[in-house]
C-alpha atoms as a PDB file:
ATOM      1  CA  MET A   1      44.973  12.500  51.294  1.00  0.00           C
ATOM      2  CA  PRO A   2      48.463  13.602  50.127  1.00  0.00           C
ATOM      3  CA  LEU A   3      48.392  15.405  46.584  1.00  0.00           C
ATOM      4  CA  PRO A   4      50.193  12.473  44.715  1.00  0.00           C
ATOM      5  CA  GLU A   5      46.988  10.021  45.989  1.00  0.00           C
ATOM      6  CA  VAL A   6      45.292  12.725  44.478  1.00  0.00           C
ATOM      7  CA  LEU A   7      46.355  12.808  40.866  1.00  0.00           C
ATOM      8  CA  GLU A   8      46.676   9.310  41.215  1.00  0.00           C
ATOM      9  CA  GLU A   9      43.157   8.765  41.713  1.00  0.00           C
ATOM     10  CA  LEU A  10      41.755  11.312  39.372  1.00  0.00           C
ATOM     11  CA  GLY A  11      44.933   9.794  36.708  1.00  0.00           C
ATOM     12  CA  ILE A  12      46.327  13.533  36.033  1.00  0.00           C
ATOM     13  CA  SER A  13      49.687  14.732  36.240  1.00  0.00           C
ATOM     14  CA  ARG A  14      51.323  17.396  38.550  1.00  0.00           C
ATOM     15  CA  PRO A  15      51.405  19.858  35.527  1.00  0.00           C
ATOM     16  CA  THR A  16      48.399  19.329  35.063  1.00  0.00           C
ATOM     17  CA  TRP A  17      47.141  19.855  38.849  1.00  0.00           C
ATOM     18  CA  TYR A  18      48.204  23.300  38.705  1.00  0.00           C
ATOM     19  CA  ARG A  19      46.677  24.368  35.374  1.00  0.00           C
ATOM     20  CA  TRP A  20      43.327  23.492  37.199  1.00  0.00           C
ATOM     21  CA  ARG A  21      44.265  24.941  40.419  1.00  0.00           C
ATOM     22  CA  ASP A  22      45.088  28.191  38.223  1.00  0.00           C
ATOM     23  CA  ARG A  23      41.686  28.159  36.530  1.00  0.00           C
ATOM     24  CA  GLY A  24      39.877  27.142  40.413  1.00  0.00           C
ATOM     25  CA  LEU A  25      39.005  23.947  39.319  1.00  0.00           C
ATOM     26  CA  THR A  26      40.415  22.010  41.556  1.00  0.00           C
ATOM     27  CA  PRO A  27      39.215  20.656  44.840  1.00  0.00           C
ATOM     28  CA  GLU A  28      39.892  22.697  48.239  1.00  0.00           C
ATOM     29  CA  ALA A  29      43.264  21.400  48.978  1.00  0.00           C
ATOM     30  CA  ARG A  30      45.348  22.269  52.371  1.00  0.00           C
ATOM     31  CA  ARG A  31      48.146  22.825  52.915  1.00  0.00           C
ATOM     32  CA  THR A  32      49.261  20.933  56.408  1.00  0.00           C
ATOM     33  CA  PRO A  33      52.403  22.288  58.837  1.00  0.00           C
ATOM     34  CA  SER A  34      54.894  20.290  56.976  1.00  0.00           C
ATOM     35  CA  GLY A  35      54.236  21.731  53.916  1.00  0.00           C
ATOM     36  CA  ARG A  36      52.725  19.018  52.112  1.00  0.00           C
ATOM     37  CA  ILE A  37      49.460  19.715  49.587  1.00  0.00           C
ATOM     38  CA  CYS A  38      46.119  17.397  51.142  1.00  0.00           C
ATOM     39  CA  VAL A  39      42.685  17.175  50.117  1.00  0.00           C
ATOM     40  CA  ARG A  40      40.041  15.648  52.394  1.00  0.00           C
ATOM     41  CA  ARG A  41      38.684  12.742  51.438  1.00  0.00           C
ATOM     42  CA  SER A  42      34.889  13.625  50.993  1.00  0.00           C
ATOM     43  CA  VAL A  43      36.089  16.942  49.048  1.00  0.00           C
ATOM     44  CA  LEU A  44      37.442  14.590  46.931  1.00  0.00           C
ATOM     45  CA  ASP A  45      34.693  12.291  46.263  1.00  0.00           C
ATOM     46  CA  ALA A  46      32.175  14.724  45.871  1.00  0.00           C
ATOM     47  CA  PHE A  47      34.914  16.827  43.017  1.00  0.00           C
ATOM     48  CA  LYS A  48      34.601  13.180  41.232  1.00  0.00           C
ATOM     49  CA  ASP A  49      30.764  12.792  41.425  1.00  0.00           C
ATOM     50  CA  GLU A  50      31.081  16.269  39.840  1.00  0.00           C
ATOM     51  CA  LEU A  51      33.078  15.626  37.519  1.00  0.00           C
ATOM     52  CA  GLU A  52      30.875  12.311  36.588  1.00  0.00           C
ATOM     53  CA  ALA A  53      27.638  14.432  36.134  1.00  0.00           C
ATOM     54  CA  ALA A  54      29.334  17.436  33.861  1.00  0.00           C
END
């Protein structure tokens, strides 16, 4: 999933994403050859489940 869709689903802003990333709190993301940041759906779902359990 592209980063804008991930942000929308999590309900967070881009600056929040980067703060979380700097603290090691984001799901694993990859940069595509075109430079886009993407997160696999399964990784995002697992991340959301972990947030709900906390």
